Amino acid sequence: MRLRRFRHQHRWQIHIEEIVGGLAFTAASLNGRVLEVIMEHTRTPGPKTPFGGHRWGHAQEDHVLDSYKRPQKLAEPTVCLQCGAVYQAGRWHWATRPETAHEVVCQACHRINDRYPAGIVTLSGALTAQQKADMINLARHQEADEKAEHPLNRIIDIEESLDRIVITTTDIHLPRRIGEAIKRAFHGKLERHFDENGYFVRVNWTHGTLP
């Protein structure tokens, strides 16, 4: 009788250990993009278009976490499958692809694929209509300089209308750089608005109005 009871208890113990082990494996497997999706749905979303409604507050800059950034530290070296940037020595940079490297899609490419900007620059007014090509060239020049040092800081798209240019970016630093460069070159009025609850910045520049 004692032997049968011992065997019965032992089978239940094994079954419980298997369940616990399965749960641990499931928890351990929640990494990479799965955790990013969880973070994305639990944060306050930023707007997907330059005209989306949202309340903007004062600057919350570097200490605001980018929800597209992987929560776990990447193995080194790691290469982005899409743009070829290399993660090594704790940061992304442009380099020759190592012979043996882990592969991911970096957060900048994720944002470009999703068309989900972290920054929006809006240039408007009569001078924008007159100097549109020069302003776009200046923005592209600022992107090239910024991206050379910081591969994750890029322009996603540039949209044009009669007296307006809307530039979307993958980060919150490049919009400030573009806005300040435009103000130095063309003067006008520059405003910056940072999202109080998320990784997002809106930069607005204007100079004159169309008659």
Protein backbone atom coordinates (compact mmCIF):
# COMPACT_ATOMS: atom_id res chain seq x y z
CA MET A 1 0.00 0.00 0.00
CA ARG A 2 2.80 2.43 0.90
CA LEU A 3 4.64 1.55 -2.33
CA ARG A 4 1.53 2.26 -4.47
CA ARG A 5 1.00 5.59 -2.65
CA PHE A 6 4.64 6.54 -3.21
CA ARG A 7 4.42 5.74 -6.93
CA HIS A 8 1.19 7.76 -7.22
CA GLN A 9 2.77 10.79 -5.52
CA HIS A 10 5.93 10.43 -7.60
CA ARG A 11 3.91 10.48 -10.86
CA TRP A 12 2.13 13.66 -9.78
CA GLN A 13 5.44 15.29 -8.86
CA ILE A 14 6.85 14.50 -12.30
CA HIS A 15 3.70 15.87 -13.96
CA ILE A 16 3.91 19.12 -11.96
CA GLU A 17 7.60 19.51 -12.82
CA GLU A 18 6.78 19.07 -16.51
CA ILE A 19 4.11 21.79 -16.32
CA VAL A 20 6.45 24.19 -14.52
CA GLY A 21 9.21 23.46 -17.02
CA GLY A 22 6.84 24.14 -19.91
CA LEU A 23 5.80 27.45 -18.43
CA ALA A 24 9.43 28.44 -17.93
CA PHE A 25 10.21 27.56 -21.53
CA THR A 26 7.23 29.59 -22.75
CA ALA A 27 8.30 32.59 -20.69
CA ALA A 28 11.87 32.31 -21.91
CA SER A 29 10.68 32.21 -25.52
CA LEU A 30 8.94 35.58 -25.20
CA ASN A 31 11.81 37.62 -26.56
CA GLY A 32 12.66 39.73 -29.57
CA ARG A 33 9.72 40.99 -31.60
CA VAL A 34 7.10 39.34 -29.32
CA LEU A 35 8.14 41.52 -26.40
CA GLU A 36 8.30 44.51 -28.73
CA VAL A 37 4.68 43.91 -29.74
CA ILE A 38 3.65 43.68 -26.08
CA MET A 39 5.45 46.94 -25.31
CA GLU A 40 3.96 48.60 -28.37
CA HIS A 41 0.40 47.79 -27.29
CA THR A 42 0.93 48.89 -23.68
CA ARG A 43 2.46 52.28 -24.41
CA THR A 44 0.70 55.48 -25.38
CA PRO A 45 0.79 55.48 -29.19
CA GLY A 46 2.14 58.39 -31.20
CA PRO A 47 0.41 59.64 -34.31
CA LYS A 48 0.93 57.93 -37.67
CA THR A 49 0.23 61.05 -39.71
CA PRO A 50 1.29 64.67 -39.22
CA PHE A 51 -2.34 65.63 -38.78
CA GLY A 52 -3.36 63.11 -36.10
CA GLY A 53 -4.92 64.45 -32.92
CA HIS A 54 -2.77 64.22 -29.80
CA ARG A 55 -1.88 66.38 -26.85
CA TRP A 56 1.74 67.53 -26.84
CA GLY A 57 3.69 68.67 -23.81
CA HIS A 58 7.16 69.85 -22.84
CA ALA A 59 10.40 68.11 -23.71
CA GLN A 60 10.97 64.58 -22.52
CA GLU A 61 13.93 63.54 -24.56
CA ASP A 62 16.70 61.01 -24.00
CA HIS A 63 15.19 59.33 -20.93
CA VAL A 64 12.03 58.36 -22.84
CA LEU A 65 12.44 54.81 -24.13
CA ASP A 66 11.84 53.96 -27.77
CA SER A 67 9.25 51.16 -27.83
CA TYR A 68 10.88 49.82 -31.02
CA LYS A 69 14.16 49.23 -29.18
CA ARG A 70 14.65 45.60 -28.15
CA PRO A 71 14.23 45.17 -24.37
CA GLN A 72 17.15 42.76 -24.15
CA LYS A 73 20.77 43.56 -25.00
CA LEU A 74 21.73 42.33 -28.46
CA ALA A 75 24.43 39.74 -28.88
CA GLU A 76 27.61 41.01 -30.48
CA PRO A 77 28.27 41.29 -33.29
CA THR A 78 24.77 41.67 -34.77
CA VAL A 79 23.95 42.89 -38.28
CA CYS A 80 20.69 44.38 -39.58
CA LEU A 81 19.34 42.24 -42.38
CA GLN A 82 17.79 45.25 -44.10
CA CYS A 83 20.26 48.15 -43.92
CA GLY A 84 23.49 46.34 -43.06
CA ALA A 85 24.31 48.37 -39.94
CA VAL A 86 26.42 46.50 -37.40
CA TYR A 87 25.84 46.39 -33.63
CA GLN A 88 29.14 46.05 -31.80
CA ALA A 89 30.77 47.53 -28.70
CA GLY A 90 27.32 48.46 -27.40
CA ARG A 91 26.16 50.62 -30.33
CA TRP A 92 25.07 50.57 -33.97
CA HIS A 93 27.53 51.80 -36.59
CA TRP A 94 28.38 51.37 -40.24
CA ALA A 95 31.02 48.71 -40.74
CA THR A 96 31.95 45.71 -42.83
CA ARG A 97 29.74 42.77 -41.99
CA PRO A 98 31.56 40.37 -39.65
CA GLU A 99 32.04 36.83 -40.93
CA THR A 100 29.98 35.44 -38.05
CA ALA A 101 27.19 37.70 -36.84
CA HIS A 102 23.70 37.41 -35.43
CA GLU A 103 20.94 38.83 -37.63
CA VAL A 104 18.00 41.10 -36.76
CA VAL A 105 16.05 43.99 -38.27
CA CYS A 106 17.13 47.16 -36.46
CA GLN A 107 14.59 49.49 -34.85
CA ALA A 108 15.04 52.15 -37.55
CA CYS A 109 14.19 49.68 -40.31
CA HIS A 110 11.24 48.42 -38.25
CA ARG A 111 9.86 51.96 -38.10
CA ILE A 112 10.43 52.48 -41.83
CA ASN A 113 8.67 49.20 -42.63
CA ASP A 114 5.75 50.09 -40.36
CA ARG A 115 5.75 53.75 -41.50
CA TYR A 116 5.57 54.66 -37.82
CA PRO A 117 7.63 57.83 -37.22
CA ALA A 118 9.24 58.98 -33.99
CA GLY A 119 9.46 62.52 -35.32
CA ILE A 120 7.61 64.82 -37.72
CA VAL A 121 9.00 68.04 -39.19
CA THR A 122 6.48 70.38 -40.83
CA LEU A 123 7.76 73.27 -42.92
CA SER A 124 5.05 75.69 -44.06
CA GLY A 125 4.44 79.17 -45.43
CA ALA A 126 5.06 81.23 -48.54
CA LEU A 127 8.82 80.77 -48.37
CA THR A 128 8.37 77.01 -48.35
CA ALA A 129 6.56 77.22 -51.67
CA GLN A 130 9.38 79.30 -53.13
CA GLN A 131 12.37 77.41 -51.66
CA LYS A 132 11.01 73.87 -51.54
CA ALA A 133 13.87 72.17 -53.41
CA ASP A 134 16.55 73.93 -51.34
CA MET A 135 14.79 73.01 -48.09
CA ILE A 136 14.50 69.35 -49.05
CA ASN A 137 18.17 69.27 -50.09
CA LEU A 138 19.13 70.82 -46.76
CA ALA A 139 17.05 68.23 -44.86
CA ARG A 140 18.68 65.39 -46.81
CA HIS A 141 22.12 66.85 -46.09
CA GLN A 142 21.36 66.96 -42.37
CA GLU A 143 20.17 63.36 -42.52
CA ALA A 144 23.37 62.22 -44.25
CA ASP A 145 25.57 63.87 -41.61
CA GLU A 146 23.46 62.53 -38.75
CA LYS A 147 23.12 59.02 -40.15
CA ALA A 148 26.87 58.71 -40.72
CA GLU A 149 27.42 58.88 -36.95
CA HIS A 150 24.08 57.47 -35.78
CA PRO A 151 22.77 54.81 -38.22
CA LEU A 152 19.34 54.62 -36.55
CA ASN A 153 18.56 58.30 -37.19
CA ARG A 154 16.99 58.53 -40.65
CA ILE A 155 14.27 60.13 -42.75
CA ILE A 156 11.31 57.83 -43.40
CA ASP A 157 9.47 59.93 -45.97
CA ILE A 158 9.08 63.45 -47.37
CA GLU A 159 5.62 64.63 -48.50
CA GLU A 160 5.10 67.86 -50.44
CA SER A 161 2.10 70.11 -51.08
CA LEU A 162 1.73 73.69 -52.33
CA ASP A 163 3.22 75.50 -49.33
CA ARG A 164 4.08 72.61 -47.00
CA ILE A 165 6.74 69.94 -46.56
CA VAL A 166 6.23 67.12 -44.06
CA ILE A 167 9.28 65.05 -43.11
CA THR A 168 8.96 61.92 -40.96
CA THR A 169 11.92 60.37 -39.14
CA THR A 170 12.89 57.25 -37.21
CA ASP A 171 14.11 59.15 -34.13
CA ILE A 172 13.61 62.29 -32.05
CA HIS A 173 17.04 63.87 -32.67
CA LEU A 174 17.10 64.32 -36.45
CA PRO A 175 13.91 66.50 -36.47
CA ARG A 176 15.57 69.01 -34.15
CA ARG A 177 18.67 69.06 -36.34
CA ILE A 178 16.63 69.63 -39.50
CA GLY A 179 14.49 72.31 -37.88
CA GLU A 180 17.48 74.22 -36.54
CA ALA A 181 19.25 74.04 -39.92
CA ILE A 182 16.16 75.37 -41.70
CA LYS A 183 15.86 78.25 -39.22
CA ARG A 184 19.54 79.19 -39.63
CA ALA A 185 19.22 79.19 -43.41
CA PHE A 186 15.76 80.74 -43.86
CA HIS A 187 15.00 82.36 -40.47
CA GLY A 188 11.28 82.14 -39.67
CA LYS A 189 9.62 80.70 -36.55
CA LEU A 190 10.58 77.30 -35.08
CA GLU A 191 8.64 75.34 -32.46
CA ARG A 192 9.28 71.94 -30.89
CA HIS A 193 6.76 69.79 -29.02
CA PHE A 194 7.66 66.56 -27.24
CA ASP A 195 5.13 63.90 -26.35
CA GLU A 196 4.75 63.68 -22.57
CA ASN A 197 4.03 59.96 -22.65
CA GLY A 198 6.11 58.51 -25.45
CA TYR A 199 9.10 58.63 -27.77
CA PHE A 200 7.87 61.27 -30.21
CA VAL A 201 8.67 64.86 -31.23
CA ARG A 202 6.94 67.31 -33.56
CA VAL A 203 8.96 70.21 -35.04
CA ASN A 204 7.08 73.03 -36.79
CA TRP A 205 8.73 75.78 -38.86
CA THR A 206 6.90 78.54 -40.70
CA HIS A 207 7.78 81.69 -42.64
CA GLY A 208 5.08 83.84 -44.19
CA THR A 209 1.77 82.84 -45.74
CA LEU A 210 0.61 82.49 -49.30
CA PRO A 211 -1.42 85.50 -50.61
